[in-house]
Amino acid sequence: MDQQLFTEFEGVKIPLVSTGVSPFAGSPQFGVKAPVYREKFFNDANAMLKIMEACYEGGGRGIGAIPFGKVVDAVKIMKETHDDYVITGSTLPGMLPDPGIEQLIDLDAKIIYVHGSISDGKSDRVIKLIDEISSRGIIPGLAVHNPISTLEFAFENNLKAKTFLVPFNANGMMMVNQQKLEDLIDSRKEIAFMGMKTLAAGTLEPTKAYEYISKHNIRAVIIGMVDAEEARNVTEIALKVLQK
């Protein structure tokens, strides 16, 4: 396939497009569909695999994994059957005693983001998790759900996060102040940002969604998808636009 499928974060190959797992968890952003998605995917590795395989067929070479439900089982199968499959991941949400770092290391995750529910708290736990991830030889990052406040905190305090996973979409969903977040991200060209919520919970037409992202300092994207044909098509569209 004569396509650019990867970019680089800290000298490590990272897919331009990865499968997102928010639908697999039935995240609240999906509204009334959330419990339907959770029922369909959460404990069914095969259902997840169909989406992951379709994304791969479209050119998506990885997943943004969180070790809940059957995600780890599905990812292991993809790793065994696809030599170029790359894992990025996020810790488990909240203050659980086990943040899931060991499970992500077992998957050979190249980046581990501290989950947004923790990062946004700006507590000592954020620093401890960054240090733990870094000490294992893995690129440490922060996922953010309250992006402007948490990014400003990270920059002002020189946190050792090397990359940030940020909500970024043409509708401004979860961006708090869209213009301000665009300016903040675009002003930090030296930082590798990865975009999530890029289709605004399925409310954006894909070409519009990724043309918007291509104009900003977003180096790669994670896309949550719930249908195999959709996953293949959306991935192809995103890659076509983001490779420009």
C-alpha atoms as a PDB file:
ATOM      1  CA  MET A   1       0.000   0.000   0.000  1.00  0.00           C
ATOM      2  CA  ASP A   2       1.695   3.177  -1.220  1.00  0.00           C
ATOM      3  CA  GLN A   3       0.453   5.365   1.600  1.00  0.00           C
ATOM      4  CA  GLN A   4       1.869   7.183   4.571  1.00  0.00           C
ATOM      5  CA  LEU A   5       0.302   5.248   7.424  1.00  0.00           C
ATOM      6  CA  PHE A   6       2.585   6.351  10.263  1.00  0.00           C
ATOM      7  CA  THR A   7       3.985   9.473  11.836  1.00  0.00           C
ATOM      8  CA  GLU A   8       6.551   9.818  14.633  1.00  0.00           C
ATOM      9  CA  PHE A   9       6.257  10.685  18.305  1.00  0.00           C
ATOM     10  CA  GLU A  10       9.610  10.965  20.086  1.00  0.00           C
ATOM     11  CA  GLY A  11      11.247   8.989  17.262  1.00  0.00           C
ATOM     12  CA  VAL A  12       8.733   6.118  17.534  1.00  0.00           C
ATOM     13  CA  LYS A  13       6.405   5.107  14.682  1.00  0.00           C
ATOM     14  CA  ILE A  14       2.790   5.871  15.598  1.00  0.00           C
ATOM     15  CA  PRO A  15      -0.210   5.261  13.284  1.00  0.00           C
ATOM     16  CA  LEU A  16      -1.825   8.288  11.698  1.00  0.00           C
ATOM     17  CA  VAL A  17      -5.148   6.567  12.444  1.00  0.00           C
ATOM     18  CA  SER A  18      -5.924   4.244  15.352  1.00  0.00           C
ATOM     19  CA  THR A  19      -9.140   2.614  16.496  1.00  0.00           C
ATOM     20  CA  GLY A  20     -10.699   4.250  19.539  1.00  0.00           C
ATOM     21  CA  VAL A  21     -12.307   2.279  22.361  1.00  0.00           C
ATOM     22  CA  SER A  22     -14.815   4.796  23.749  1.00  0.00           C
ATOM     23  CA  PRO A  23     -17.746   3.093  21.964  1.00  0.00           C
ATOM     24  CA  PHE A  24     -16.618  -0.275  23.364  1.00  0.00           C
ATOM     25  CA  ALA A  25     -17.045   1.141  26.866  1.00  0.00           C
ATOM     26  CA  GLY A  26     -20.364   2.808  26.064  1.00  0.00           C
ATOM     27  CA  SER A  27     -19.020   6.248  26.960  1.00  0.00           C
ATOM     28  CA  PRO A  28     -21.682   8.820  27.938  1.00  0.00           C
ATOM     29  CA  GLN A  29     -20.881  11.057  24.959  1.00  0.00           C
ATOM     30  CA  PHE A  30     -22.901   8.657  22.797  1.00  0.00           C
ATOM     31  CA  GLY A  31     -26.113   9.506  24.619  1.00  0.00           C
ATOM     32  CA  VAL A  32     -28.934   6.996  24.273  1.00  0.00           C
ATOM     33  CA  LYS A  33     -26.699   4.752  22.135  1.00  0.00           C
ATOM     34  CA  ALA A  34     -24.118   4.396  24.914  1.00  0.00           C
ATOM     35  CA  PRO A  35     -25.702   1.403  26.698  1.00  0.00           C
ATOM     36  CA  VAL A  36     -26.355  -0.276  23.328  1.00  0.00           C
ATOM     37  CA  TYR A  37     -22.684   0.004  22.388  1.00  0.00           C
ATOM     38  CA  ARG A  38     -21.562  -1.186  25.804  1.00  0.00           C
ATOM     39  CA  GLU A  39     -23.804  -4.239  25.591  1.00  0.00           C
ATOM     40  CA  LYS A  40     -22.551  -5.028  22.089  1.00  0.00           C
ATOM     41  CA  PHE A  41     -18.821  -4.639  22.715  1.00  0.00           C
ATOM     42  CA  PHE A  42     -17.667  -4.525  26.334  1.00  0.00           C
ATOM     43  CA  ASN A  43     -17.345  -8.275  26.932  1.00  0.00           C
ATOM     44  CA  ASP A  44     -17.100  -9.450  23.318  1.00  0.00           C
ATOM     45  CA  ALA A  45     -13.569  -9.542  21.902  1.00  0.00           C
ATOM     46  CA  ASN A  46     -14.855 -10.753  18.529  1.00  0.00           C
ATOM     47  CA  ALA A  47     -17.151  -7.752  18.162  1.00  0.00           C
ATOM     48  CA  MET A  48     -14.207  -5.456  18.891  1.00  0.00           C
ATOM     49  CA  LEU A  49     -11.998  -7.395  16.463  1.00  0.00           C
ATOM     50  CA  LYS A  50     -14.400  -6.817  13.578  1.00  0.00           C
ATOM     51  CA  ILE A  51     -14.007  -3.065  14.029  1.00  0.00           C
ATOM     52  CA  MET A  52     -10.240  -3.274  14.532  1.00  0.00           C
ATOM     53  CA  GLU A  53      -9.795  -5.461  11.433  1.00  0.00           C
ATOM     54  CA  ALA A  54     -11.931  -3.130   9.316  1.00  0.00           C
ATOM     55  CA  CYS A  55      -9.954  -0.116  10.492  1.00  0.00           C
ATOM     56  CA  TYR A  56      -6.749  -1.987   9.631  1.00  0.00           C
ATOM     57  CA  GLU A  57      -8.071  -2.780   6.143  1.00  0.00           C
ATOM     58  CA  GLY A  58      -8.688   0.944   5.692  1.00  0.00           C
ATOM     59  CA  GLY A  59      -5.087   1.713   6.670  1.00  0.00           C
ATOM     60  CA  GLY A  60      -5.379   2.220  10.444  1.00  0.00           C
ATOM     61  CA  ARG A  61      -2.397   0.509  11.983  1.00  0.00           C
ATOM     62  CA  GLY A  62      -3.168   0.601  15.685  1.00  0.00           C
ATOM     63  CA  ILE A  63      -5.484   1.150  18.598  1.00  0.00           C
ATOM     64  CA  GLY A  64      -5.750   3.556  21.481  1.00  0.00           C
ATOM     65  CA  ALA A  65      -6.362   0.886  24.116  1.00  0.00           C
ATOM     66  CA  ILE A  66      -7.708   1.120  27.641  1.00  0.00           C
ATOM     67  CA  PRO A  67      -7.527  -2.217  29.526  1.00  0.00           C
ATOM     68  CA  PHE A  68     -11.219  -2.761  30.290  1.00  0.00           C
ATOM     69  CA  GLY A  69     -13.579  -5.572  29.319  1.00  0.00           C
ATOM     70  CA  LYS A  70     -12.180  -7.710  26.509  1.00  0.00           C
ATOM     71  CA  VAL A  71     -10.018  -4.992  24.942  1.00  0.00           C
ATOM     72  CA  VAL A  72      -6.743  -6.668  25.918  1.00  0.00           C
ATOM     73  CA  ASP A  73      -7.885 -10.027  24.499  1.00  0.00           C
ATOM     74  CA  ALA A  74      -8.825  -8.430  21.175  1.00  0.00           C
ATOM     75  CA  VAL A  75      -5.588  -6.445  20.955  1.00  0.00           C
ATOM     76  CA  LYS A  76      -3.480  -9.543  21.608  1.00  0.00           C
ATOM     77  CA  ILE A  77      -5.110 -11.257  18.640  1.00  0.00           C
ATOM     78  CA  MET A  78      -4.453  -8.252  16.408  1.00  0.00           C
ATOM     79  CA  LYS A  79      -0.817  -8.151  17.559  1.00  0.00           C
ATOM     80  CA  GLU A  80      -0.390 -11.852  16.804  1.00  0.00           C
ATOM     81  CA  THR A  81      -1.841 -11.573  13.306  1.00  0.00           C
ATOM     82  CA  HIS A  82      -0.513  -8.153  12.174  1.00  0.00           C
ATOM     83  CA  ASP A  83       3.221  -7.479  12.491  1.00  0.00           C
ATOM     84  CA  ASP A  84       2.898  -3.707  12.057  1.00  0.00           C
ATOM     85  CA  TYR A  85       0.091  -3.167  14.588  1.00  0.00           C
ATOM     86  CA  VAL A  86       1.001  -0.445  17.098  1.00  0.00           C
ATOM     87  CA  ILE A  87      -0.552   0.051  20.516  1.00  0.00           C
ATOM     88  CA  THR A  88      -0.979   3.345  22.259  1.00  0.00           C
ATOM     89  CA  GLY A  89      -2.961   3.293  25.463  1.00  0.00           C
ATOM     90  CA  SER A  90      -4.428   5.120  28.416  1.00  0.00           C
ATOM     91  CA  THR A  91      -4.518   4.145  32.053  1.00  0.00           C
ATOM     92  CA  LEU A  92      -7.803   3.157  33.602  1.00  0.00           C
ATOM     93  CA  PRO A  93      -9.992   6.054  34.783  1.00  0.00           C
ATOM     94  CA  GLY A  94     -10.404   7.171  38.368  1.00  0.00           C
ATOM     95  CA  MET A  95      -8.389   6.345  41.440  1.00  0.00           C
ATOM     96  CA  LEU A  96      -8.259   2.571  41.081  1.00  0.00           C
ATOM     97  CA  PRO A  97      -5.268   1.012  42.864  1.00  0.00           C
ATOM     98  CA  ASP A  98      -4.275  -0.702  39.586  1.00  0.00           C
ATOM     99  CA  PRO A  99      -4.128   1.844  36.741  1.00  0.00           C
ATOM    100  CA  GLY A 100      -3.617  -0.897  34.135  1.00  0.00           C
ATOM    101  CA  ILE A 101      -0.062   0.095  33.213  1.00  0.00           C
ATOM    102  CA  GLU A 102       1.218  -3.505  33.433  1.00  0.00           C
ATOM    103  CA  GLN A 103      -1.473  -4.719  31.047  1.00  0.00           C
ATOM    104  CA  LEU A 104      -0.524  -2.041  28.533  1.00  0.00           C
ATOM    105  CA  ILE A 105       3.174  -2.850  28.889  1.00  0.00           C
ATOM    106  CA  ASP A 106       2.321  -6.500  28.211  1.00  0.00           C
ATOM    107  CA  LEU A 107       0.770  -5.320  24.923  1.00  0.00           C
ATOM    108  CA  ASP A 108       4.017  -3.480  24.083  1.00  0.00           C
ATOM    109  CA  ALA A 109       2.293  -0.089  24.177  1.00  0.00           C
ATOM    110  CA  LYS A 110       4.498   2.635  22.671  1.00  0.00           C
ATOM    111  CA  ILE A 111       2.705   5.486  24.479  1.00  0.00           C
ATOM    112  CA  ILE A 112       0.723   5.381  27.709  1.00  0.00           C
ATOM    113  CA  TYR A 113      -1.429   8.391  28.485  1.00  0.00           C
ATOM    114  CA  VAL A 114      -2.612   9.157  32.000  1.00  0.00           C
ATOM    115  CA  HIS A 115      -6.404   9.008  31.701  1.00  0.00           C
ATOM    116  CA  GLY A 116      -8.178  12.354  31.467  1.00  0.00           C
ATOM    117  CA  SER A 117     -10.199  11.738  34.616  1.00  0.00           C
ATOM    118  CA  ILE A 118      -6.900  11.714  36.516  1.00  0.00           C
ATOM    119  CA  SER A 119      -4.988  14.333  34.498  1.00  0.00           C
ATOM    120  CA  ASP A 120      -7.715  16.924  34.956  1.00  0.00           C
ATOM    121  CA  GLY A 121      -7.398  16.555  38.732  1.00  0.00           C
ATOM    122  CA  LYS A 122      -3.860  18.035  38.537  1.00  0.00           C
ATOM    123  CA  SER A 123      -2.854  16.032  41.621  1.00  0.00           C
ATOM    124  CA  ASP A 124       0.384  14.382  42.696  1.00  0.00           C
ATOM    125  CA  ARG A 125      -0.950  11.148  41.219  1.00  0.00           C
ATOM    126  CA  VAL A 126      -0.512  12.609  37.733  1.00  0.00           C
ATOM    127  CA  ILE A 127       3.204  13.167  38.318  1.00  0.00           C
ATOM    128  CA  LYS A 128       3.629   9.723  39.894  1.00  0.00           C
ATOM    129  CA  LEU A 129       1.981   7.990  36.947  1.00  0.00           C
ATOM    130  CA  ILE A 130       4.041   9.961  34.401  1.00  0.00           C
ATOM    131  CA  ASP A 131       7.203   8.987  36.285  1.00  0.00           C
ATOM    132  CA  GLU A 132       6.139   5.335  36.471  1.00  0.00           C
ATOM    133  CA  ILE A 133       5.381   5.165  32.751  1.00  0.00           C
ATOM    134  CA  SER A 134       8.647   6.918  31.857  1.00  0.00           C
ATOM    135  CA  SER A 135      10.674   4.642  34.142  1.00  0.00           C
ATOM    136  CA  ARG A 136       9.453   1.646  32.132  1.00  0.00           C
ATOM    137  CA  GLY A 137      10.913   3.068  28.929  1.00  0.00           C
ATOM    138  CA  ILE A 138       7.541   4.052  27.467  1.00  0.00           C
ATOM    139  CA  ILE A 139       6.581   7.483  26.134  1.00  0.00           C
ATOM    140  CA  PRO A 140       4.459   9.153  28.855  1.00  0.00           C
ATOM    141  CA  GLY A 141       1.516  11.341  27.929  1.00  0.00           C
ATOM    142  CA  LEU A 142      -1.565  13.029  29.314  1.00  0.00           C
ATOM    143  CA  ALA A 143      -5.082  12.542  28.025  1.00  0.00           C
ATOM    144  CA  VAL A 144      -7.196  15.601  28.825  1.00  0.00           C
ATOM    145  CA  HIS A 145     -10.961  16.054  29.073  1.00  0.00           C
ATOM    146  CA  ASN A 146     -10.775  19.640  30.355  1.00  0.00           C
ATOM    147  CA  PRO A 147      -8.160  20.511  27.776  1.00  0.00           C
ATOM    148  CA  ILE A 148      -7.302  24.188  28.181  1.00  0.00           C
ATOM    149  CA  SER A 149      -6.966  24.154  31.963  1.00  0.00           C
ATOM    150  CA  THR A 150      -4.995  20.894  32.066  1.00  0.00           C
ATOM    151  CA  LEU A 151      -2.690  21.770  29.164  1.00  0.00           C
ATOM    152  CA  GLU A 152      -1.897  25.149  30.698  1.00  0.00           C
ATOM    153  CA  PHE A 153      -1.177  23.423  34.021  1.00  0.00           C
ATOM    154  CA  ALA A 154       1.124  20.906  32.313  1.00  0.00           C
ATOM    155  CA  PHE A 155       3.050  23.581  30.416  1.00  0.00           C
ATOM    156  CA  GLU A 156       3.366  25.980  33.364  1.00  0.00           C
ATOM    157  CA  ASN A 157       4.647  23.210  35.654  1.00  0.00           C
ATOM    158  CA  ASN A 158       6.911  21.562  33.074  1.00  0.00           C
ATOM    159  CA  LEU A 159       5.303  18.162  33.516  1.00  0.00           C
ATOM    160  CA  LYS A 160       7.335  15.445  31.839  1.00  0.00           C
ATOM    161  CA  ALA A 161       4.531  14.355  29.518  1.00  0.00           C
ATOM    162  CA  LYS A 162       5.876  14.016  25.978  1.00  0.00           C
ATOM    163  CA  THR A 163       2.513  13.944  24.179  1.00  0.00           C
ATOM    164  CA  PHE A 164      -1.102  14.916  24.787  1.00  0.00           C
ATOM    165  CA  LEU A 165      -4.338  13.215  23.751  1.00  0.00           C
ATOM    166  CA  VAL A 166      -6.886  15.984  23.263  1.00  0.00           C
ATOM    167  CA  PRO A 167     -10.545  16.274  22.213  1.00  0.00           C
ATOM    168  CA  PHE A 168     -10.429  18.013  18.840  1.00  0.00           C
ATOM    169  CA  ASN A 169     -13.272  18.303  16.348  1.00  0.00           C
ATOM    170  CA  ALA A 170     -14.963  20.810  14.056  1.00  0.00           C
ATOM    171  CA  ASN A 171     -18.007  21.025  16.350  1.00  0.00           C
ATOM    172  CA  GLY A 172     -15.919  22.043  19.362  1.00  0.00           C
ATOM    173  CA  MET A 173     -17.344  19.129  21.394  1.00  0.00           C
ATOM    174  CA  MET A 174     -15.483  18.798  24.730  1.00  0.00           C
ATOM    175  CA  MET A 175     -13.004  21.513  23.655  1.00  0.00           C
ATOM    176  CA  VAL A 176     -14.425  24.054  26.197  1.00  0.00           C
ATOM    177  CA  ASN A 177     -13.323  27.088  24.157  1.00  0.00           C
ATOM    178  CA  GLN A 178     -12.641  25.963  20.604  1.00  0.00           C
ATOM    179  CA  GLN A 179     -10.696  29.002  19.414  1.00  0.00           C
ATOM    180  CA  LYS A 180      -8.555  29.147  22.542  1.00  0.00           C
ATOM    181  CA  LEU A 181      -7.714  25.436  22.357  1.00  0.00           C
ATOM    182  CA  GLU A 182      -6.851  25.713  18.661  1.00  0.00           C
ATOM    183  CA  ASP A 183      -4.515  28.613  19.407  1.00  0.00           C
ATOM    184  CA  LEU A 184      -2.924  26.822  22.360  1.00  0.00           C
ATOM    185  CA  ILE A 185      -2.223  23.655  20.376  1.00  0.00           C
ATOM    186  CA  ASP A 186      -1.114  25.424  17.210  1.00  0.00           C
ATOM    187  CA  SER A 187       1.355  27.556  19.189  1.00  0.00           C
ATOM    188  CA  ARG A 188       3.214  24.467  20.472  1.00  0.00           C
ATOM    189  CA  LYS A 189       4.573  22.998  17.249  1.00  0.00           C
ATOM    190  CA  GLU A 190       7.284  21.136  19.165  1.00  0.00           C
ATOM    191  CA  ILE A 191       4.689  18.989  20.957  1.00  0.00           C
ATOM    192  CA  ALA A 192       3.080  15.850  19.536  1.00  0.00           C
ATOM    193  CA  PHE A 193      -0.687  16.090  19.943  1.00  0.00           C
ATOM    194  CA  MET A 194      -3.061  13.220  19.175  1.00  0.00           C
ATOM    195  CA  GLY A 195      -6.725  13.978  18.546  1.00  0.00           C
ATOM    196  CA  MET A 196      -9.671  12.115  20.053  1.00  0.00           C
ATOM    197  CA  LYS A 197     -13.459  12.708  19.827  1.00  0.00           C
ATOM    198  CA  THR A 198     -12.595  13.630  16.243  1.00  0.00           C
ATOM    199  CA  LEU A 199     -16.044  12.793  14.830  1.00  0.00           C
ATOM    200  CA  ALA A 200     -17.819  14.462  17.784  1.00  0.00           C
ATOM    201  CA  ALA A 201     -19.602  11.218  18.760  1.00  0.00           C
ATOM    202  CA  GLY A 202     -20.551  10.504  15.158  1.00  0.00           C
ATOM    203  CA  THR A 203     -22.178  13.871  14.448  1.00  0.00           C
ATOM    204  CA  LEU A 204     -19.612  15.027  11.877  1.00  0.00           C
ATOM    205  CA  GLU A 205     -19.244  13.998   8.252  1.00  0.00           C
ATOM    206  CA  PRO A 206     -15.768  12.393   8.041  1.00  0.00           C
ATOM    207  CA  THR A 207     -14.272  14.499   5.245  1.00  0.00           C
ATOM    208  CA  LYS A 208     -15.288  17.708   7.007  1.00  0.00           C
ATOM    209  CA  ALA A 209     -13.982  16.322  10.301  1.00  0.00           C
ATOM    210  CA  TYR A 210     -10.509  15.485   9.050  1.00  0.00           C
ATOM    211  CA  GLU A 211     -10.087  18.488   6.767  1.00  0.00           C
ATOM    212  CA  TYR A 212     -10.591  20.590   9.911  1.00  0.00           C
ATOM    213  CA  ILE A 213      -8.022  18.557  11.832  1.00  0.00           C
ATOM    214  CA  SER A 214      -5.501  18.682   8.960  1.00  0.00           C
ATOM    215  CA  LYS A 215      -5.325  22.474   9.352  1.00  0.00           C
ATOM    216  CA  HIS A 216      -4.096  22.217  12.945  1.00  0.00           C
ATOM    217  CA  ASN A 217      -1.174  20.835  14.947  1.00  0.00           C
ATOM    218  CA  ILE A 218      -2.669  17.361  15.412  1.00  0.00           C
ATOM    219  CA  ARG A 219      -0.194  14.674  14.393  1.00  0.00           C
ATOM    220  CA  ALA A 220      -2.427  11.565  14.618  1.00  0.00           C
ATOM    221  CA  VAL A 221      -6.015  10.648  15.471  1.00  0.00           C
ATOM    222  CA  ILE A 222      -7.975   8.027  17.346  1.00  0.00           C
ATOM    223  CA  ILE A 223     -11.403   7.241  15.897  1.00  0.00           C
ATOM    224  CA  GLY A 224     -14.198   5.455  17.752  1.00  0.00           C
ATOM    225  CA  MET A 225     -16.243   3.305  15.364  1.00  0.00           C
ATOM    226  CA  VAL A 226     -19.108   0.843  15.809  1.00  0.00           C
ATOM    227  CA  ASP A 227     -19.693  -0.653  12.356  1.00  0.00           C
ATOM    228  CA  ALA A 228     -17.145  -2.496  10.211  1.00  0.00           C
ATOM    229  CA  GLU A 229     -18.025  -0.842   6.909  1.00  0.00           C
ATOM    230  CA  GLU A 230     -18.052   2.563   8.597  1.00  0.00           C
ATOM    231  CA  ALA A 231     -14.686   1.826  10.205  1.00  0.00           C
ATOM    232  CA  ARG A 232     -13.080   0.956   6.889  1.00  0.00           C
ATOM    233  CA  ASN A 233     -14.536   3.954   5.064  1.00  0.00           C
ATOM    234  CA  VAL A 234     -13.855   6.514   7.798  1.00  0.00           C
ATOM    235  CA  THR A 235     -10.262   5.321   8.145  1.00  0.00           C
ATOM    236  CA  GLU A 236      -9.684   5.626   4.397  1.00  0.00           C
ATOM    237  CA  ILE A 237     -11.162   9.142   4.369  1.00  0.00           C
ATOM    238  CA  ALA A 238      -9.129  10.263   7.385  1.00  0.00           C
ATOM    239  CA  LEU A 239      -5.874   8.958   5.890  1.00  0.00           C
ATOM    240  CA  LYS A 240      -6.532  10.549   2.512  1.00  0.00           C
ATOM    241  CA  VAL A 241      -7.053  13.943   4.146  1.00  0.00           C
ATOM    242  CA  LEU A 242      -4.354  13.729   6.814  1.00  0.00           C
ATOM    243  CA  GLN A 243      -1.640  12.653   4.358  1.00  0.00           C
ATOM    244  CA  LYS A 244      -1.930  15.918   2.392  1.00  0.00           C
END
